Protein backbone atom coordinates (compact mmCIF):
# COMPACT_ATOMS: atom_id res chain seq x y z
CA MET A 1 0.00 0.00 0.00
CA LYS A 2 1.18 3.53 -0.76
CA ILE A 3 0.76 5.99 2.11
CA ALA A 4 0.90 9.79 2.23
CA LEU A 5 2.20 11.16 5.53
CA LEU A 6 0.93 14.40 7.06
CA GLY A 7 3.47 15.58 9.60
CA TYR A 8 7.09 14.50 9.73
CA GLY A 9 7.99 14.95 13.36
CA ARG A 10 8.88 12.12 15.71
CA MET A 11 5.59 10.32 15.13
CA GLY A 12 5.72 10.80 11.38
CA LYS A 13 9.22 9.36 11.20
CA GLU A 14 8.16 6.36 13.30
CA VAL A 15 5.14 5.78 11.05
CA GLU A 16 7.50 5.84 8.06
CA ARG A 17 9.79 3.27 9.68
CA GLN A 18 6.92 0.98 10.65
CA ALA A 19 5.29 1.31 7.22
CA TYR A 20 8.38 0.03 5.42
CA ALA A 21 8.75 -2.73 8.01
CA ARG A 22 5.22 -3.90 7.13
CA GLY A 23 5.94 -3.84 3.39
CA HIS A 24 4.29 -0.51 2.54
CA GLU A 25 5.64 2.55 0.74
CA ILE A 26 5.57 6.20 1.78
CA SER A 27 4.69 7.89 -1.51
CA ALA A 28 4.51 11.49 -0.26
CA ILE A 29 5.34 13.49 2.87
CA PHE A 30 3.67 16.80 3.72
CA ASP A 31 5.05 18.97 6.48
CA ILE A 32 5.68 22.63 7.26
CA ASN A 33 7.64 23.19 4.06
CA ASP A 34 5.24 21.25 1.80
CA SER A 35 1.61 21.83 2.73
CA PHE A 36 -1.24 19.43 1.94
CA SER A 37 -3.83 20.87 -0.45
CA PRO A 38 -6.30 19.76 -3.14
CA GLU A 39 -3.53 20.38 -5.70
CA SER A 40 -1.00 18.16 -3.90
CA ASP A 41 0.64 15.30 -5.78
CA VAL A 42 0.16 12.30 -3.49
CA ARG A 43 1.99 10.06 -5.99
CA GLY A 44 -0.50 7.24 -6.04
CA ALA A 45 -1.19 7.14 -2.29
CA GLN A 46 -4.06 4.90 -1.23
CA ALA A 47 -4.36 6.32 2.30
CA VAL A 48 -3.25 9.26 4.43
CA ILE A 49 -1.87 9.01 7.97
CA SER A 50 -1.88 12.28 9.90
CA PHE A 51 -0.03 13.38 13.05
CA VAL A 52 -0.01 17.18 12.88
CA LEU A 53 -0.88 20.25 14.96
CA ALA A 54 -4.52 20.43 15.97
CA GLU A 55 -5.31 23.72 14.23
CA GLY A 56 -4.77 22.21 10.77
CA VAL A 57 -6.64 18.95 11.24
CA LEU A 58 -10.08 19.83 9.90
CA TYR A 59 -8.64 21.40 6.74
CA HIS A 60 -6.47 18.34 6.09
CA ILE A 61 -9.47 16.05 6.57
CA LYS A 62 -11.44 18.05 4.01
CA VAL A 63 -8.54 17.90 1.55
CA ALA A 64 -8.26 14.12 1.95
CA ALA A 65 -11.98 13.81 1.21
CA GLN A 66 -11.63 16.00 -1.89
CA LEU A 67 -8.78 13.79 -3.10
CA GLY A 68 -10.83 10.65 -2.43
CA LEU A 69 -8.32 9.35 0.11
CA PRO A 70 -9.15 7.63 3.41
CA ILE A 71 -7.40 9.31 6.33
CA VAL A 72 -6.12 7.95 9.63
CA GLU A 73 -6.18 10.92 12.02
CA GLY A 74 -4.02 10.51 15.10
CA THR A 75 -3.82 14.16 16.12
CA THR A 76 -5.41 15.20 19.42
CA GLY A 77 -6.79 18.53 20.61
CA TRP A 78 -9.40 19.05 17.85
CA TYR A 79 -12.36 17.00 19.10
CA ASP A 80 -14.49 20.10 19.68
CA GLN A 81 -14.87 20.07 15.87
CA LEU A 82 -15.99 16.45 15.52
CA ASP A 83 -19.57 17.44 14.66
CA GLN A 84 -18.29 19.05 11.46
CA LEU A 85 -17.17 15.70 10.05
CA LYS A 86 -20.76 14.79 9.19
CA SER A 87 -20.97 17.64 6.68
CA ILE A 88 -17.83 16.66 4.73
CA LYS A 89 -18.73 14.89 1.49
CA ASN A 90 -16.99 11.66 0.45
CA LEU A 91 -15.20 11.40 3.78
CA THR A 92 -13.56 8.19 4.93
CA ILE A 93 -11.78 8.56 8.25
CA ILE A 94 -10.77 6.71 11.37
CA TYR A 95 -9.75 8.94 14.28
CA SER A 96 -8.42 8.18 17.73
CA PRO A 97 -6.41 9.94 20.43
CA ASN A 98 -4.24 6.82 20.51
CA PHE A 99 -3.89 4.04 17.93
CA SER A 100 -1.89 1.78 20.24
CA ILE A 101 -3.50 -1.65 20.54
CA GLY A 102 -2.20 -1.85 24.11
CA VAL A 103 -3.80 1.47 25.06
CA TYR A 104 -7.10 0.31 23.57
CA GLN A 105 -7.02 -2.83 25.73
CA PHE A 106 -5.95 -0.72 28.73
CA THR A 107 -9.05 1.41 28.18
CA LYS A 108 -11.20 -1.73 28.29
CA LEU A 109 -9.46 -2.79 31.51
CA THR A 110 -10.15 0.67 32.94
CA ARG A 111 -13.85 0.33 32.12
CA TYR A 112 -14.03 -3.09 33.76
CA ALA A 113 -12.12 -1.89 36.84
CA ALA A 114 -14.45 1.10 37.22
CA GLN A 115 -17.47 -1.18 36.99
CA LEU A 116 -16.00 -3.40 39.72
CA MET A 117 -15.12 -0.47 41.98
CA GLY A 118 -18.25 1.57 41.32
CA SER A 119 -20.12 0.00 44.22
CA LEU A 120 -17.26 0.75 46.64
CA PRO A 121 -17.28 4.51 47.32
CA GLU A 122 -14.53 4.14 49.94
CA TYR A 123 -12.15 3.72 46.98
CA ASP A 124 -11.43 7.15 45.56
CA CYS A 125 -10.24 7.24 41.96
CA PHE A 126 -7.45 9.25 40.34
CA LEU A 127 -5.86 9.48 36.90
CA HIS A 128 -2.34 10.71 36.17
CA GLU A 129 -0.38 10.84 32.92
CA PHE A 130 3.27 11.51 32.06
CA HIS A 131 4.58 12.66 28.67
CA HIS A 132 7.70 14.22 27.19
CA VAL A 133 8.25 17.97 27.41
CA GLY A 134 7.48 18.46 23.71
CA LYS A 135 3.87 17.27 23.90
CA ALA A 136 1.60 20.15 22.93
CA ASP A 137 -1.62 19.25 24.78
CA SER A 138 -2.21 18.63 28.46
CA PRO A 139 -3.86 16.47 29.58
CA SER A 140 -3.35 13.99 26.78
CA GLY A 141 -6.20 12.96 24.53
CA THR A 142 -5.84 9.45 25.93
CA ALA A 143 -6.24 10.76 29.48
CA LYS A 144 -9.43 12.57 28.47
CA LYS A 145 -10.77 9.36 26.92
CA LEU A 146 -9.93 7.39 30.08
CA ALA A 147 -11.57 10.06 32.25
CA HIS A 148 -14.74 9.79 30.17
CA VAL A 149 -14.75 6.00 30.66
CA LEU A 150 -14.32 6.41 34.42
CA LEU A 151 -17.13 8.96 34.69
CA GLU A 152 -19.47 6.65 32.78
CA ASN A 153 -18.84 3.80 35.21
CA LEU A 154 -18.25 5.37 38.64
CA PRO A 155 -21.59 6.49 40.11
CA HIS A 156 -19.88 8.52 42.84
CA LYS A 157 -18.01 10.69 40.29
CA ASP A 158 -19.92 13.25 38.22
CA LYS A 159 -17.33 15.70 36.86
CA VAL A 160 -13.64 16.01 35.97
CA LEU A 161 -11.05 18.52 37.13
CA TYR A 162 -8.13 18.83 34.70
CA ASP A 163 -6.60 21.92 36.27
CA THR A 164 -4.54 22.34 39.42
CA SER A 165 -6.70 22.33 42.53
CA HIS A 166 -6.36 25.39 44.74
CA GLY A 167 -8.56 24.04 47.50
CA VAL A 168 -10.34 20.97 48.77
CA ILE A 169 -11.65 18.84 45.90
CA ASN A 170 -15.29 17.80 45.92
CA PRO A 171 -15.46 14.01 46.52
CA ALA A 172 -17.63 13.71 43.39
CA THR A 173 -14.83 15.18 41.25
CA LEU A 174 -12.36 12.99 39.36
CA HIS A 175 -8.98 14.71 39.45
CA VAL A 176 -6.87 14.19 36.31
CA THR A 177 -3.28 15.40 36.53
CA SER A 178 -0.36 15.64 34.10
CA THR A 179 3.43 15.75 34.19
CA ARG A 180 5.63 16.89 31.29
CA VAL A 181 9.19 15.71 31.73
CA GLY A 182 12.16 14.55 29.69
CA ARG A 183 11.50 12.12 26.85
CA VAL A 184 8.72 9.98 28.33
CA PRO A 185 6.74 8.52 25.36
CA GLY A 186 3.57 8.16 27.43
CA THR A 187 2.46 6.67 30.75
CA HIS A 188 -1.10 6.57 32.10
CA GLU A 189 -2.07 5.50 35.62
CA ILE A 190 -5.51 4.79 37.03
CA GLY A 191 -5.68 4.43 40.80
CA PHE A 192 -8.31 3.43 43.35
CA ASP A 193 -7.26 4.51 46.84
CA SER A 194 -8.90 3.57 50.14
CA PRO A 195 -7.93 3.81 53.83
CA ALA A 196 -6.97 0.13 53.66
CA ASP A 197 -5.09 -0.17 50.36
CA GLU A 198 -4.56 1.10 46.83
CA ILE A 199 -5.05 -0.51 43.43
CA VAL A 200 -3.14 0.93 40.45
CA LEU A 201 -3.45 0.13 36.75
CA ARG A 202 -0.64 1.45 34.55
CA HIS A 203 0.12 1.53 30.85
CA VAL A 204 3.70 2.43 29.92
CA ALA A 205 4.68 3.05 26.31
CA HIS A 206 8.30 2.04 25.69
CA GLY A 207 8.41 4.19 22.55
CA ARG A 208 6.28 5.37 19.65
CA GLU A 209 6.28 2.00 17.90
CA GLY A 210 2.89 0.94 19.28
CA PHE A 211 1.21 4.19 18.24
CA ALA A 212 2.69 4.05 14.74
CA SER A 213 2.06 0.37 14.02
CA GLY A 214 -1.53 0.74 15.23
CA ALA A 215 -2.07 3.66 12.85
CA ILE A 216 -0.72 1.63 9.93
CA ARG A 217 -2.92 -1.34 10.79
CA ALA A 218 -5.87 1.05 10.94
CA ALA A 219 -4.97 2.35 7.47
CA GLU A 220 -4.82 -1.21 6.12
CA TRP A 221 -8.28 -1.82 7.58
CA LEU A 222 -9.73 1.49 6.35
CA VAL A 223 -8.85 1.17 2.66
CA GLY A 224 -11.94 0.18 0.68
CA LYS A 225 -14.40 1.47 3.28
CA THR A 226 -16.47 4.66 3.42
CA GLY A 227 -17.68 6.59 6.43
CA ILE A 228 -16.52 7.76 9.86
CA TYR A 229 -14.90 5.24 12.19
CA THR A 230 -13.21 5.00 15.58
CA MET A 231 -10.92 2.47 17.22
CA ASP A 232 -13.98 0.59 18.46
CA ASP A 233 -14.91 -0.23 14.85
CA PHE A 234 -11.37 -1.25 13.94
CA MET A 235 -10.79 -3.36 17.04
CA HIS A 236 -14.16 -5.10 16.63
CA ASP A 237 -12.84 -6.59 13.38
CA PHE A 238 -9.26 -6.89 14.64
CA ASN A 239 -10.34 -9.10 17.53
């Protein structure tokens, strides 16, 4: 399969490496010095994989639709515009804050854990994530997804606090915190703390390989389809 890359930072370079390892070809690369537009020469690309800055995402998605190319969108920080996808003609897209297969399974474990602990209000829940200093958004898109899953399944939590607390936190508030340090690829922790003990679930990314290979697998799955998809759709078939 021929793939056009949008964004050639650390993630873009890892996608390129993983694509060749899986027998694919990167036919075109679009970055700061070579913007993606309806006039772009994609050199026979059959799919687009995008890891770019959030402000350009919707435009790139529209361009991919105009070119008749399915797009795998791995950028975070643009989900307030999701409703606009429905109005884009000829769109084929799969989007996710994280294409790692391990993170997807970790999210399912988080849901199950919250269901188990939901009847035990003495266990207070927290969520913390660590990423490298170059990550643009905080908290991560994955952390926001995990927080949503926890809120859906913990009856004693009804809202999320992403900011620093400057006072006593309401017991019904789920506190989500972030650390930006060094070169950490990504770590997410879910904890349930009680006076007696603490239970912690943790996903640690050893590098960007899992994110990149998941995006390529999603592209392989997406080619030949039409419509708007998420990781749930992909993993339903993958499993």
